[in-house]
């Protein structure tokens, strides 16, 4: 998502991860470090298996996240094994 100042110019790009109705700012974290951050956030929320979705609702693989192939923000959703 883009933060804009009053004249409409781009100020900075932030990366947000949503999990259990909380948002974590992971701006400037990319590649493998972003994957590790996703795993840590999931662990901190007692989530063992999870899916990752982007803003468009597209399910992402770890390779997509590492390559930066997503639209922000990212969402961590507990994997439903009963389905």
N, C-alpha and C. Protein backbone atom coordinates (compact mmCIF):
# COMPACT_ATOMS: atom_id res chain seq x y z
N UNK A 1 0.84 -1.15 0.00
CA UNK A 1 0.00 0.00 0.00
C UNK A 1 0.89 1.22 0.00
N UNK A 2 0.43 2.26 -0.61
CA UNK A 2 1.21 3.49 -0.71
C UNK A 2 0.71 4.52 0.29
N UNK A 3 1.64 5.12 0.97
CA UNK A 3 1.30 6.26 1.82
C UNK A 3 1.52 7.50 0.97
N UNK A 4 0.59 8.41 1.01
CA UNK A 4 0.71 9.62 0.21
C UNK A 4 0.61 10.85 1.11
N UNK A 5 1.39 11.87 0.75
CA UNK A 5 1.23 13.11 1.50
C UNK A 5 0.14 13.94 0.85
N UNK A 6 -0.09 15.13 1.32
CA UNK A 6 -1.24 15.91 0.90
C UNK A 6 -1.24 16.28 -0.58
N UNK A 7 -0.07 16.36 -1.22
CA UNK A 7 -0.07 16.73 -2.64
C UNK A 7 -0.10 15.52 -3.57
N UNK A 8 -0.28 14.32 -3.02
CA UNK A 8 -0.47 13.13 -3.83
C UNK A 8 0.81 12.44 -4.28
N UNK A 9 1.96 12.89 -3.83
CA UNK A 9 3.19 12.21 -4.22
C UNK A 9 3.47 11.06 -3.27
N UNK A 10 4.12 10.06 -3.80
CA UNK A 10 4.42 8.86 -3.02
C UNK A 10 5.48 9.18 -1.97
N UNK A 11 5.23 8.77 -0.72
CA UNK A 11 6.19 8.99 0.35
C UNK A 11 6.99 7.72 0.59
N UNK A 12 6.33 6.61 0.83
CA UNK A 12 7.01 5.34 1.04
C UNK A 12 6.04 4.20 0.84
N UNK A 13 6.60 3.03 0.59
CA UNK A 13 5.77 1.84 0.45
C UNK A 13 5.93 1.04 1.73
N UNK A 14 4.81 0.64 2.33
CA UNK A 14 4.86 -0.16 3.54
C UNK A 14 4.36 -1.56 3.23
N UNK A 15 4.90 -2.52 3.94
CA UNK A 15 4.46 -3.90 3.82
C UNK A 15 3.81 -4.27 5.15
N UNK A 16 2.57 -4.74 5.09
CA UNK A 16 1.81 -5.10 6.28
C UNK A 16 1.45 -6.58 6.20
N UNK A 17 1.55 -7.27 7.34
CA UNK A 17 1.09 -8.65 7.47
C UNK A 17 -0.05 -8.65 8.47
N UNK A 18 -1.21 -9.18 8.06
CA UNK A 18 -2.37 -9.27 8.94
C UNK A 18 -2.49 -10.70 9.45
N UNK A 19 -2.72 -10.82 10.75
CA UNK A 19 -2.91 -12.13 11.37
C UNK A 19 -3.74 -11.96 12.63
N UNK A 20 -4.86 -12.69 12.72
CA UNK A 20 -5.74 -12.62 13.90
C UNK A 20 -6.09 -11.19 14.26
N UNK A 21 -6.51 -10.43 13.30
CA UNK A 21 -6.96 -9.04 13.44
C UNK A 21 -5.88 -8.08 13.94
N UNK A 22 -4.62 -8.48 13.86
CA UNK A 22 -3.53 -7.55 14.16
C UNK A 22 -2.72 -7.32 12.90
N UNK A 23 -2.11 -6.17 12.82
CA UNK A 23 -1.29 -5.83 11.67
C UNK A 23 0.15 -5.59 12.12
N UNK A 24 1.09 -6.18 11.39
CA UNK A 24 2.50 -6.02 11.67
C UNK A 24 3.17 -5.35 10.49
N UNK A 25 3.89 -4.27 10.74
CA UNK A 25 4.60 -3.56 9.70
C UNK A 25 5.95 -4.24 9.48
N UNK A 26 6.17 -4.75 8.28
CA UNK A 26 7.43 -5.41 7.94
C UNK A 26 8.09 -4.70 6.75
N UNK A 27 7.96 -3.38 6.72
CA UNK A 27 8.57 -2.58 5.67
C UNK A 27 10.07 -2.85 5.64
N UNK A 28 10.63 -2.92 4.48
CA UNK A 28 12.06 -3.16 4.24
C UNK A 28 12.48 -4.61 4.52
N UNK A 29 11.54 -5.52 4.72
CA UNK A 29 11.85 -6.94 4.87
C UNK A 29 11.41 -7.63 3.58
N UNK A 30 12.32 -8.31 2.91
CA UNK A 30 12.02 -8.97 1.65
C UNK A 30 12.67 -10.35 1.60
N UNK A 31 12.31 -11.10 0.58
CA UNK A 31 12.94 -12.40 0.32
C UNK A 31 12.79 -13.39 1.45
N UNK A 32 13.88 -14.11 1.74
CA UNK A 32 13.85 -15.13 2.79
C UNK A 32 13.54 -14.53 4.16
N UNK A 33 13.99 -13.31 4.41
CA UNK A 33 13.71 -12.67 5.69
C UNK A 33 12.21 -12.45 5.87
N UNK A 34 11.49 -12.14 4.79
CA UNK A 34 10.04 -11.97 4.86
C UNK A 34 9.36 -13.30 5.16
N UNK A 35 9.83 -14.36 4.56
CA UNK A 35 9.28 -15.69 4.85
C UNK A 35 9.48 -16.05 6.31
N UNK A 36 10.66 -15.81 6.84
CA UNK A 36 10.93 -16.10 8.25
C UNK A 36 10.06 -15.24 9.16
N UNK A 37 9.81 -13.99 8.77
CA UNK A 37 8.94 -13.11 9.55
C UNK A 37 7.51 -13.64 9.56
N UNK A 38 7.02 -14.12 8.40
CA UNK A 38 5.68 -14.72 8.33
C UNK A 38 5.58 -15.92 9.27
N UNK A 39 6.59 -16.76 9.25
CA UNK A 39 6.60 -17.95 10.12
C UNK A 39 6.60 -17.56 11.59
N UNK A 40 7.37 -16.53 11.95
CA UNK A 40 7.45 -16.07 13.34
C UNK A 40 6.10 -15.51 13.79
N UNK A 41 5.46 -14.72 12.95
CA UNK A 41 4.15 -14.16 13.30
C UNK A 41 3.14 -15.29 13.50
N UNK A 42 3.18 -16.29 12.63
CA UNK A 42 2.27 -17.44 12.78
C UNK A 42 2.54 -18.18 14.10
N UNK A 43 3.81 -18.43 14.40
CA UNK A 43 4.16 -19.11 15.66
C UNK A 43 3.69 -18.30 16.87
N UNK A 44 3.91 -16.99 16.82
CA UNK A 44 3.50 -16.13 17.93
C UNK A 44 1.99 -16.15 18.15
N UNK A 45 1.24 -16.50 17.11
CA UNK A 45 -0.22 -16.60 17.20
C UNK A 45 -0.70 -18.04 17.32
N UNK A 46 0.20 -18.95 17.69
CA UNK A 46 -0.09 -20.38 17.87
C UNK A 46 -0.70 -21.00 16.63
N UNK A 47 -0.17 -20.64 15.47
CA UNK A 47 -0.64 -21.20 14.21
C UNK A 47 0.48 -22.06 13.64
N UNK A 48 0.22 -23.37 13.55
CA UNK A 48 1.23 -24.28 13.03
C UNK A 48 1.23 -24.33 11.51
N UNK A 49 0.07 -24.56 10.93
CA UNK A 49 -0.06 -24.61 9.47
C UNK A 49 -0.92 -23.43 9.03
N UNK A 50 -0.49 -22.76 7.96
CA UNK A 50 -1.22 -21.59 7.53
C UNK A 50 -1.11 -21.39 6.03
N UNK A 51 -2.06 -20.64 5.51
CA UNK A 51 -2.04 -20.20 4.12
C UNK A 51 -1.75 -18.71 4.12
N UNK A 52 -1.19 -18.23 3.03
CA UNK A 52 -0.90 -16.81 2.88
C UNK A 52 -1.71 -16.29 1.70
N UNK A 53 -2.40 -15.19 1.93
CA UNK A 53 -3.19 -14.56 0.88
C UNK A 53 -2.75 -13.11 0.73
N UNK A 54 -2.86 -12.60 -0.50
CA UNK A 54 -2.56 -11.20 -0.70
C UNK A 54 -3.85 -10.40 -0.74
N UNK A 55 -3.75 -9.11 -1.01
CA UNK A 55 -4.90 -8.21 -1.01
C UNK A 55 -5.99 -8.64 -1.97
N UNK A 56 -5.61 -9.25 -3.09
CA UNK A 56 -6.58 -9.66 -4.10
C UNK A 56 -7.26 -10.98 -3.75
N UNK A 57 -6.84 -11.64 -2.65
CA UNK A 57 -7.42 -12.91 -2.26
C UNK A 57 -6.72 -14.11 -2.88
N UNK A 58 -5.62 -13.85 -3.58
CA UNK A 58 -4.88 -14.93 -4.23
C UNK A 58 -4.04 -15.67 -3.20
N UNK A 59 -4.11 -17.00 -3.22
CA UNK A 59 -3.29 -17.83 -2.35
C UNK A 59 -1.85 -17.80 -2.86
N UNK A 60 -0.91 -17.59 -1.94
CA UNK A 60 0.49 -17.45 -2.32
C UNK A 60 1.32 -18.62 -1.82
N UNK A 61 2.32 -18.97 -2.59
CA UNK A 61 3.31 -19.94 -2.14
C UNK A 61 4.46 -19.17 -1.49
N UNK A 62 5.31 -19.89 -0.79
CA UNK A 62 6.50 -19.24 -0.21
C UNK A 62 7.38 -18.65 -1.32
N UNK A 63 7.42 -19.31 -2.47
CA UNK A 63 8.21 -18.80 -3.60
C UNK A 63 7.66 -17.46 -4.09
N UNK A 64 6.33 -17.32 -4.12
CA UNK A 64 5.72 -16.05 -4.51
C UNK A 64 6.14 -14.94 -3.54
N UNK A 65 6.09 -15.25 -2.26
CA UNK A 65 6.44 -14.25 -1.24
C UNK A 65 7.91 -13.88 -1.37
N UNK A 66 8.77 -14.89 -1.51
CA UNK A 66 10.21 -14.62 -1.62
C UNK A 66 10.53 -13.75 -2.82
N UNK A 67 9.82 -13.98 -3.93
CA UNK A 67 10.07 -13.22 -5.15
C UNK A 67 9.37 -11.86 -5.15
N UNK A 68 8.49 -11.62 -4.18
CA UNK A 68 7.77 -10.35 -4.12
C UNK A 68 6.59 -10.29 -5.06
N UNK A 69 6.09 -11.46 -5.49
CA UNK A 69 4.95 -11.53 -6.42
C UNK A 69 3.63 -11.51 -5.68
N UNK A 70 3.28 -10.36 -5.10
CA UNK A 70 2.03 -10.24 -4.36
C UNK A 70 1.62 -8.78 -4.29
N UNK A 71 0.33 -8.60 -3.97
CA UNK A 71 -0.23 -7.27 -3.75
C UNK A 71 -0.46 -7.12 -2.26
N UNK A 72 0.06 -6.08 -1.69
CA UNK A 72 -0.01 -5.89 -0.25
C UNK A 72 -1.38 -5.43 0.20
N UNK A 73 -1.78 -5.71 1.42
CA UNK A 73 -1.10 -6.42 2.50
C UNK A 73 -1.24 -7.93 2.37
N UNK A 74 -0.41 -8.64 3.12
CA UNK A 74 -0.48 -10.10 3.19
C UNK A 74 -1.32 -10.50 4.39
N UNK A 75 -1.99 -11.63 4.28
CA UNK A 75 -2.79 -12.15 5.39
C UNK A 75 -2.40 -13.59 5.67
N UNK A 76 -2.24 -13.90 6.94
CA UNK A 76 -1.98 -15.27 7.39
C UNK A 76 -3.31 -15.84 7.86
N UNK A 77 -3.68 -16.99 7.30
CA UNK A 77 -4.93 -17.64 7.66
C UNK A 77 -4.62 -19.07 8.09
N UNK A 78 -5.12 -19.44 9.26
CA UNK A 78 -4.89 -20.79 9.77
C UNK A 78 -5.39 -21.81 8.75
N UNK A 79 -4.56 -22.82 8.48
CA UNK A 79 -4.92 -23.88 7.53
C UNK A 79 -6.00 -24.74 8.17
N UNK A 80 -7.09 -24.95 7.43
CA UNK A 80 -8.23 -25.71 7.94
C UNK A 80 -8.07 -27.18 7.51
N UNK A 81 -7.61 -28.03 8.43
CA UNK A 81 -7.37 -29.44 8.12
C UNK A 81 -8.68 -30.23 8.08
N UNK A 82 -9.75 -29.70 8.62
CA UNK A 82 -11.02 -30.42 8.66
C UNK A 82 -11.81 -30.28 7.36
N UNK A 83 -11.39 -29.39 6.52
CA UNK A 83 -12.16 -29.12 5.28
C UNK A 83 -12.05 -30.19 4.25
